[in-house]
Amino acid sequence: MTDIIDLYFAISTSLIGLFITLIGYNVIKLKGKKPEDEERMIIWRKKFGKLFRILGVVMIFIGISLLILSFSDKRNDKWTESHKEDMKSLVINNSPFIQSLNPELRDLVVTCFVETYTKKYTLKESLGEVKEGQWPEEYQLTVMVPIMRECFEKYGLIEGK
């Protein structure tokens, strides 16, 4: 929902900026109802035209920047190497069994888990499940344990079904 609001705000800012710019460059002429209003509009345009041209262009750039930023935020759902390293540390530190493995095997299993997990779930999906600094037990049992089981089977720590 907020994505739609952000998109609407960015587009409306750009369009309003375009409208203000067109008024500033006298492409859109403001007209008065009476002939004496025309003279006031000419004076007004001389007084505020430059301001409208500058502010209009600034608003267009702000709107375009907001559009770019709103689309680039969507790409932040991807896992970085730093995120993966943090997840590896969490997995190792929260599992006495994994800590008891020899370092080479531990690295293989944890890397297998992290790579499999990060291929299936976006960063946003994963962080959405975190409550009070860790994943709920139900989430661990239904999502994480099956992935860990696959990795254990892959490296011969347990036998497959």
C-alpha atoms as a PDB file:
ATOM      1  CA  MET A   1       0.000   0.000   0.000  1.00  0.00           C
ATOM      2  CA  THR A   2       2.792   2.424   0.845  1.00  0.00           C
ATOM      3  CA  ASP A   3       4.391   1.627  -2.508  1.00  0.00           C
ATOM      4  CA  ILE A   4       1.301   2.969  -4.262  1.00  0.00           C
ATOM      5  CA  ILE A   5       1.314   6.096  -2.111  1.00  0.00           C
ATOM      6  CA  ASP A   6       5.028   6.665  -2.814  1.00  0.00           C
ATOM      7  CA  LEU A   7       4.458   6.206  -6.538  1.00  0.00           C
ATOM      8  CA  TYR A   8       1.448   8.563  -6.508  1.00  0.00           C
ATOM      9  CA  PHE A   9       3.413  11.193  -4.572  1.00  0.00           C
ATOM     10  CA  ALA A  10       6.384  10.988  -6.964  1.00  0.00           C
ATOM     11  CA  ILE A  11       4.227  11.256 -10.081  1.00  0.00           C
ATOM     12  CA  SER A  12       2.066  14.064  -8.692  1.00  0.00           C
ATOM     13  CA  THR A  13       5.163  16.026  -7.620  1.00  0.00           C
ATOM     14  CA  SER A  14       6.587  15.717 -11.134  1.00  0.00           C
ATOM     15  CA  LEU A  15       3.307  16.735 -12.790  1.00  0.00           C
ATOM     16  CA  ILE A  16       2.783  19.716 -10.495  1.00  0.00           C
ATOM     17  CA  GLY A  17       6.391  20.751 -11.177  1.00  0.00           C
ATOM     18  CA  LEU A  18       5.734  20.489 -14.912  1.00  0.00           C
ATOM     19  CA  PHE A  19       2.573  22.599 -14.586  1.00  0.00           C
ATOM     20  CA  ILE A  20       4.395  25.271 -12.556  1.00  0.00           C
ATOM     21  CA  THR A  21       7.253  25.304 -15.074  1.00  0.00           C
ATOM     22  CA  LEU A  22       4.843  25.744 -17.979  1.00  0.00           C
ATOM     23  CA  ILE A  23       3.206  28.668 -16.176  1.00  0.00           C
ATOM     24  CA  GLY A  24       6.654  30.163 -15.509  1.00  0.00           C
ATOM     25  CA  TYR A  25       7.606  29.953 -19.196  1.00  0.00           C
ATOM     26  CA  ASN A  26       4.214  31.366 -20.243  1.00  0.00           C
ATOM     27  CA  VAL A  27       3.210  28.223 -22.157  1.00  0.00           C
ATOM     28  CA  ILE A  28       0.102  28.038 -19.994  1.00  0.00           C
ATOM     29  CA  LYS A  29      -1.361  31.519 -19.833  1.00  0.00           C
ATOM     30  CA  LEU A  30      -3.283  32.559 -16.774  1.00  0.00           C
ATOM     31  CA  LYS A  31      -6.216  34.657 -17.887  1.00  0.00           C
ATOM     32  CA  GLY A  32      -8.368  37.087 -16.026  1.00  0.00           C
ATOM     33  CA  LYS A  33     -12.079  37.635 -16.531  1.00  0.00           C
ATOM     34  CA  LYS A  34     -11.787  41.388 -17.072  1.00  0.00           C
ATOM     35  CA  PRO A  35      -9.395  43.394 -19.287  1.00  0.00           C
ATOM     36  CA  GLU A  36      -7.789  45.065 -16.256  1.00  0.00           C
ATOM     37  CA  ASP A  37      -7.007  41.599 -14.885  1.00  0.00           C
ATOM     38  CA  GLU A  38      -4.785  40.990 -17.932  1.00  0.00           C
ATOM     39  CA  GLU A  39      -2.521  43.862 -16.894  1.00  0.00           C
ATOM     40  CA  ARG A  40      -2.265  42.455 -13.370  1.00  0.00           C
ATOM     41  CA  MET A  41      -1.363  39.036 -14.807  1.00  0.00           C
ATOM     42  CA  ILE A  42       1.471  40.565 -16.849  1.00  0.00           C
ATOM     43  CA  ILE A  43       2.822  42.275 -13.736  1.00  0.00           C
ATOM     44  CA  TRP A  44       2.382  39.100 -11.718  1.00  0.00           C
ATOM     45  CA  ARG A  45       4.233  37.031 -14.373  1.00  0.00           C
ATOM     46  CA  LYS A  46       7.146  39.508 -14.380  1.00  0.00           C
ATOM     47  CA  LYS A  47       7.291  39.334 -10.604  1.00  0.00           C
ATOM     48  CA  PHE A  48       6.937  35.543 -10.106  1.00  0.00           C
ATOM     49  CA  GLY A  49       7.791  34.008 -13.514  1.00  0.00           C
ATOM     50  CA  LYS A  50      11.440  33.338 -12.713  1.00  0.00           C
ATOM     51  CA  LEU A  51      10.511  31.809  -9.347  1.00  0.00           C
ATOM     52  CA  PHE A  52       7.984  29.524 -11.039  1.00  0.00           C
ATOM     53  CA  ARG A  53      10.538  28.418 -13.641  1.00  0.00           C
ATOM     54  CA  ILE A  54      13.100  27.525 -10.981  1.00  0.00           C
ATOM     55  CA  LEU A  55      10.698  25.896  -8.513  1.00  0.00           C
ATOM     56  CA  GLY A  56       8.952  23.968 -11.271  1.00  0.00           C
ATOM     57  CA  VAL A  57      12.187  22.420 -12.496  1.00  0.00           C
ATOM     58  CA  VAL A  58      13.227  21.627  -8.920  1.00  0.00           C
ATOM     59  CA  MET A  59       9.888  19.878  -8.307  1.00  0.00           C
ATOM     60  CA  ILE A  60      10.286  17.845 -11.500  1.00  0.00           C
ATOM     61  CA  PHE A  61      13.736  16.672 -10.365  1.00  0.00           C
ATOM     62  CA  ILE A  62      12.421  15.842  -6.890  1.00  0.00           C
ATOM     63  CA  GLY A  63       9.562  13.835  -8.416  1.00  0.00           C
ATOM     64  CA  ILE A  64      11.920  11.930 -10.709  1.00  0.00           C
ATOM     65  CA  SER A  65      14.278  11.273  -7.789  1.00  0.00           C
ATOM     66  CA  LEU A  66      11.395   9.928  -5.726  1.00  0.00           C
ATOM     67  CA  LEU A  67      10.411   7.634  -8.594  1.00  0.00           C
ATOM     68  CA  ILE A  68      13.946   6.303  -8.891  1.00  0.00           C
ATOM     69  CA  LEU A  69      14.242   5.818  -5.139  1.00  0.00           C
ATOM     70  CA  SER A  70      10.893   4.056  -4.870  1.00  0.00           C
ATOM     71  CA  PHE A  71      11.968   1.549  -7.521  1.00  0.00           C
ATOM     72  CA  SER A  72      15.465   1.101  -6.111  1.00  0.00           C
ATOM     73  CA  ASP A  73      13.988   0.239  -2.686  1.00  0.00           C
ATOM     74  CA  LYS A  74      12.425  -2.827  -4.267  1.00  0.00           C
ATOM     75  CA  ARG A  75      15.882  -4.078  -5.162  1.00  0.00           C
ATOM     76  CA  ASN A  76      17.001  -3.894  -1.535  1.00  0.00           C
ATOM     77  CA  ASP A  77      15.216  -7.192  -0.957  1.00  0.00           C
ATOM     78  CA  LYS A  78      18.305  -8.948  -2.255  1.00  0.00           C
ATOM     79  CA  TRP A  79      20.761 -10.598   0.069  1.00  0.00           C
ATOM     80  CA  THR A  80      24.229  -9.088   0.235  1.00  0.00           C
ATOM     81  CA  GLU A  81      27.365 -10.981   1.219  1.00  0.00           C
ATOM     82  CA  SER A  82      27.291  -9.100   4.525  1.00  0.00           C
ATOM     83  CA  HIS A  83      23.750 -10.358   5.224  1.00  0.00           C
ATOM     84  CA  LYS A  84      24.801 -13.900   4.373  1.00  0.00           C
ATOM     85  CA  GLU A  85      27.827 -13.722   6.672  1.00  0.00           C
ATOM     86  CA  ASP A  86      25.635 -12.421   9.503  1.00  0.00           C
ATOM     87  CA  MET A  87      23.208 -15.272   8.937  1.00  0.00           C
ATOM     88  CA  LYS A  88      26.046 -17.816   8.984  1.00  0.00           C
ATOM     89  CA  SER A  89      27.191 -16.446  12.342  1.00  0.00           C
ATOM     90  CA  LEU A  90      23.646 -16.638  13.717  1.00  0.00           C
ATOM     91  CA  VAL A  91      23.228 -20.239  12.579  1.00  0.00           C
ATOM     92  CA  ILE A  92      26.552 -21.286  14.079  1.00  0.00           C
ATOM     93  CA  ASN A  93      26.029 -19.419  17.355  1.00  0.00           C
ATOM     94  CA  ASN A  94      22.488 -20.713  17.871  1.00  0.00           C
ATOM     95  CA  SER A  95      23.178 -24.407  17.249  1.00  0.00           C
ATOM     96  CA  PRO A  96      25.312 -26.423  19.660  1.00  0.00           C
ATOM     97  CA  PHE A  97      25.308 -29.342  17.192  1.00  0.00           C
ATOM     98  CA  ILE A  98      26.737 -27.210  14.387  1.00  0.00           C
ATOM     99  CA  GLN A  99      29.304 -25.742  16.794  1.00  0.00           C
ATOM    100  CA  SER A 100      30.464 -29.289  17.618  1.00  0.00           C
ATOM    101  CA  LEU A 101      31.287 -30.096  13.977  1.00  0.00           C
ATOM    102  CA  ASN A 102      34.805 -29.766  12.668  1.00  0.00           C
ATOM    103  CA  PRO A 103      35.332 -26.295  11.141  1.00  0.00           C
ATOM    104  CA  GLU A 104      35.481 -27.433   7.512  1.00  0.00           C
ATOM    105  CA  LEU A 105      32.293 -29.496   7.693  1.00  0.00           C
ATOM    106  CA  ARG A 106      30.573 -26.765   9.718  1.00  0.00           C
ATOM    107  CA  ASP A 107      31.382 -24.185   7.037  1.00  0.00           C
ATOM    108  CA  LEU A 108      30.098 -26.473   4.282  1.00  0.00           C
ATOM    109  CA  VAL A 109      26.805 -27.173   6.073  1.00  0.00           C
ATOM    110  CA  VAL A 110      26.189 -23.579   7.102  1.00  0.00           C
ATOM    111  CA  THR A 111      27.063 -22.271   3.618  1.00  0.00           C
ATOM    112  CA  CYS A 112      24.695 -24.850   2.102  1.00  0.00           C
ATOM    113  CA  PHE A 113      21.918 -23.715   4.458  1.00  0.00           C
ATOM    114  CA  VAL A 114      22.464 -19.994   3.863  1.00  0.00           C
ATOM    115  CA  GLU A 115      22.694 -20.361   0.075  1.00  0.00           C
ATOM    116  CA  THR A 116      19.552 -22.519  -0.089  1.00  0.00           C
ATOM    117  CA  TYR A 117      17.606 -20.259   2.261  1.00  0.00           C
ATOM    118  CA  THR A 118      18.591 -17.047   0.474  1.00  0.00           C
ATOM    119  CA  LYS A 119      17.593 -18.490  -2.903  1.00  0.00           C
ATOM    120  CA  LYS A 120      14.100 -19.349  -1.625  1.00  0.00           C
ATOM    121  CA  TYR A 121      13.349 -16.260   0.481  1.00  0.00           C
ATOM    122  CA  THR A 122      14.001 -12.557  -0.012  1.00  0.00           C
ATOM    123  CA  LEU A 123      15.614 -10.508   2.704  1.00  0.00           C
ATOM    124  CA  LYS A 124      12.332  -8.687   3.299  1.00  0.00           C
ATOM    125  CA  GLU A 125      10.429 -11.971   3.735  1.00  0.00           C
ATOM    126  CA  SER A 126      13.025 -13.267   6.143  1.00  0.00           C
ATOM    127  CA  LEU A 127      13.219 -10.108   8.255  1.00  0.00           C
ATOM    128  CA  GLY A 128       9.416  -9.948   8.323  1.00  0.00           C
ATOM    129  CA  GLU A 129       9.444 -13.197  10.295  1.00  0.00           C
ATOM    130  CA  VAL A 130      11.975 -12.030  12.897  1.00  0.00           C
ATOM    131  CA  LYS A 131      10.445 -11.234  16.263  1.00  0.00           C
ATOM    132  CA  GLU A 132      12.500  -9.945  19.182  1.00  0.00           C
ATOM    133  CA  GLY A 133      15.771 -10.580  17.377  1.00  0.00           C
ATOM    134  CA  GLN A 134      15.121 -14.146  16.266  1.00  0.00           C
ATOM    135  CA  TRP A 135      12.808 -16.287  14.173  1.00  0.00           C
ATOM    136  CA  PRO A 136       9.780 -17.782  15.939  1.00  0.00           C
ATOM    137  CA  GLU A 137       9.996 -21.500  16.744  1.00  0.00           C
ATOM    138  CA  GLU A 138       7.179 -22.351  14.320  1.00  0.00           C
ATOM    139  CA  TYR A 139       9.019 -20.606  11.476  1.00  0.00           C
ATOM    140  CA  GLN A 140      12.222 -22.433  12.357  1.00  0.00           C
ATOM    141  CA  LEU A 141      10.445 -25.806  12.350  1.00  0.00           C
ATOM    142  CA  THR A 142       8.487 -25.315   9.135  1.00  0.00           C
ATOM    143  CA  VAL A 143      11.028 -23.397   7.040  1.00  0.00           C
ATOM    144  CA  MET A 144      14.528 -23.607   8.430  1.00  0.00           C
ATOM    145  CA  VAL A 145      14.718 -27.175   9.742  1.00  0.00           C
ATOM    146  CA  PRO A 146      13.814 -28.795   6.388  1.00  0.00           C
ATOM    147  CA  ILE A 147      16.519 -26.750   4.656  1.00  0.00           C
ATOM    148  CA  MET A 148      19.043 -27.678   7.352  1.00  0.00           C
ATOM    149  CA  ARG A 149      18.010 -31.350   7.019  1.00  0.00           C
ATOM    150  CA  GLU A 150      18.734 -31.194   3.257  1.00  0.00           C
ATOM    151  CA  CYS A 151      22.202 -29.843   3.985  1.00  0.00           C
ATOM    152  CA  PHE A 152      22.864 -32.478   6.660  1.00  0.00           C
ATOM    153  CA  GLU A 153      21.849 -35.200   4.185  1.00  0.00           C
ATOM    154  CA  LYS A 154      24.003 -33.662   1.464  1.00  0.00           C
ATOM    155  CA  TYR A 155      27.120 -33.916   3.639  1.00  0.00           C
ATOM    156  CA  GLY A 156      26.274 -37.299   5.185  1.00  0.00           C
ATOM    157  CA  LEU A 157      25.494 -36.126   8.715  1.00  0.00           C
ATOM    158  CA  ILE A 158      22.099 -37.849   8.640  1.00  0.00           C
ATOM    159  CA  GLU A 159      20.603 -40.411   6.319  1.00  0.00           C
ATOM    160  CA  GLY A 160      17.812 -39.434   3.930  1.00  0.00           C
ATOM    161  CA  LYS A 161      14.265 -40.715   4.351  1.00  0.00           C
END
